[in-house]
Amino acid sequence: MNARLMQVIQGPVVSEKSTMAGEIGQYVFRVLPDASKDEIKAAVEQLFEVRVENVRTLNQQGKQKRFGRLFGRRNHWKKAYVSLAEGESIDMGEGDQV
């Protein structure tokens, strides 16, 4: 296993929009800022043992936050929308929660 591929995917993005995308076979992941689409595709195929059809990426700008009179900014990050082949799916830990 390539060590770089194990670090490309930092985790899933859990939001209302990503949940709706999961219903149509798209999954959203937080990835390294310098990761290419080919690296993301290879990492998802290796980690989850699925066939990836398409990868779309987006650079998410960090939100500006205010702390009293001081202004700060959260870090920029990159996310990837991964479309799987027909009939493929990833179990994202959904199920009975206690």
Protein backbone atom coordinates (compact mmCIF):
# COMPACT_ATOMS: atom_id res chain seq x y z
CA MET A 1 0.00 0.00 0.00
CA ASN A 2 1.18 3.44 -0.87
CA ALA A 3 1.55 5.57 2.28
CA ARG A 4 0.53 8.73 0.41
CA LEU A 5 -2.79 7.19 -0.64
CA MET A 6 -3.60 6.35 2.97
CA GLN A 7 -3.26 10.05 3.90
CA VAL A 8 -5.09 11.61 0.94
CA ILE A 9 -8.56 11.13 2.43
CA GLN A 10 -8.84 12.92 5.76
CA GLY A 11 -12.45 11.98 6.47
CA PRO A 12 -16.05 12.21 5.28
CA VAL A 13 -17.95 15.48 5.17
CA VAL A 14 -21.18 15.14 7.13
CA SER A 15 -23.76 17.74 6.16
CA GLU A 16 -27.28 17.90 4.82
CA LYS A 17 -26.00 18.38 1.28
CA SER A 18 -23.56 15.46 1.47
CA THR A 19 -26.30 13.21 2.87
CA MET A 20 -28.55 14.06 -0.07
CA ALA A 21 -25.66 13.44 -2.50
CA GLY A 22 -25.16 9.99 -0.93
CA GLU A 23 -28.66 9.02 -2.03
CA ILE A 24 -27.65 9.36 -5.69
CA GLY A 25 -24.32 7.55 -5.36
CA GLN A 26 -22.02 10.49 -4.61
CA TYR A 27 -19.88 10.66 -1.49
CA VAL A 28 -18.10 13.72 -0.12
CA PHE A 29 -14.65 13.54 1.49
CA ARG A 30 -12.25 16.04 3.00
CA VAL A 31 -8.90 15.56 1.23
CA LEU A 32 -5.37 16.95 1.31
CA PRO A 33 -5.12 20.39 -0.35
CA ASP A 34 -2.49 19.17 -2.83
CA ALA A 35 -4.25 15.90 -3.74
CA SER A 36 -5.00 15.32 -7.42
CA LYS A 37 -8.16 13.72 -8.79
CA ASP A 38 -6.21 10.60 -9.78
CA GLU A 39 -4.84 10.23 -6.23
CA ILE A 40 -8.31 10.67 -4.73
CA LYS A 41 -9.76 8.07 -7.10
CA ALA A 42 -7.00 5.57 -6.30
CA ALA A 43 -7.35 6.17 -2.54
CA VAL A 44 -11.14 5.63 -2.52
CA GLU A 45 -10.85 2.50 -4.67
CA GLN A 46 -8.15 1.10 -2.39
CA LEU A 47 -9.74 1.98 0.96
CA PHE A 48 -13.35 1.04 0.24
CA GLU A 49 -12.85 -1.54 -2.55
CA VAL A 50 -15.30 0.11 -4.95
CA ARG A 51 -15.13 1.32 -8.56
CA VAL A 52 -15.03 5.12 -8.94
CA GLU A 53 -16.59 6.73 -12.02
CA ASN A 54 -15.86 10.41 -11.47
CA VAL A 55 -14.13 12.77 -9.03
CA ARG A 56 -14.92 16.48 -8.72
CA THR A 57 -12.94 18.68 -6.36
CA LEU A 58 -13.60 22.01 -4.72
CA ASN A 59 -11.37 24.33 -2.70
CA GLN A 60 -13.42 25.48 0.28
CA GLN A 61 -12.45 28.90 1.64
CA GLY A 62 -12.08 29.19 5.42
CA LYS A 63 -14.71 31.21 7.24
CA GLN A 64 -13.79 34.55 8.72
CA LYS A 65 -14.39 34.51 12.48
CA ARG A 66 -14.37 37.27 15.04
CA PHE A 67 -13.00 37.04 18.57
CA GLY A 68 -14.06 40.23 20.32
CA ARG A 69 -12.33 43.02 18.38
CA LEU A 70 -9.93 40.64 16.64
CA PHE A 71 -10.62 39.00 13.31
CA GLY A 72 -9.33 35.58 12.39
CA ARG A 73 -9.80 33.06 9.63
CA ARG A 74 -10.21 29.31 9.65
CA ASN A 75 -7.97 27.28 7.38
CA HIS A 76 -8.86 26.70 3.72
CA TRP A 77 -9.53 23.06 2.83
CA LYS A 78 -10.33 20.86 -0.14
CA LYS A 79 -13.25 18.51 -0.60
CA ALA A 80 -13.95 15.90 -3.23
CA TYR A 81 -17.26 14.67 -4.60
CA VAL A 82 -16.76 11.03 -5.61
CA SER A 83 -19.27 9.33 -7.92
CA LEU A 84 -19.31 5.55 -7.77
CA ALA A 85 -20.10 3.08 -10.54
CA GLU A 86 -23.62 1.71 -10.88
CA GLY A 87 -24.47 -0.71 -8.07
CA GLU A 88 -21.53 0.31 -5.84
CA SER A 89 -21.93 1.89 -2.41
CA ILE A 90 -19.92 2.82 0.68
CA ASP A 91 -21.17 2.15 4.20
CA MET A 92 -20.48 5.40 6.05
CA GLY A 93 -21.40 4.01 9.47
CA GLU A 94 -25.12 4.57 9.06
CA GLY A 95 -27.41 2.43 11.12
CA ASP A 96 -28.68 2.14 14.67
CA GLN A 97 -27.17 4.82 16.87
CA VAL A 98 -27.55 4.53 20.62
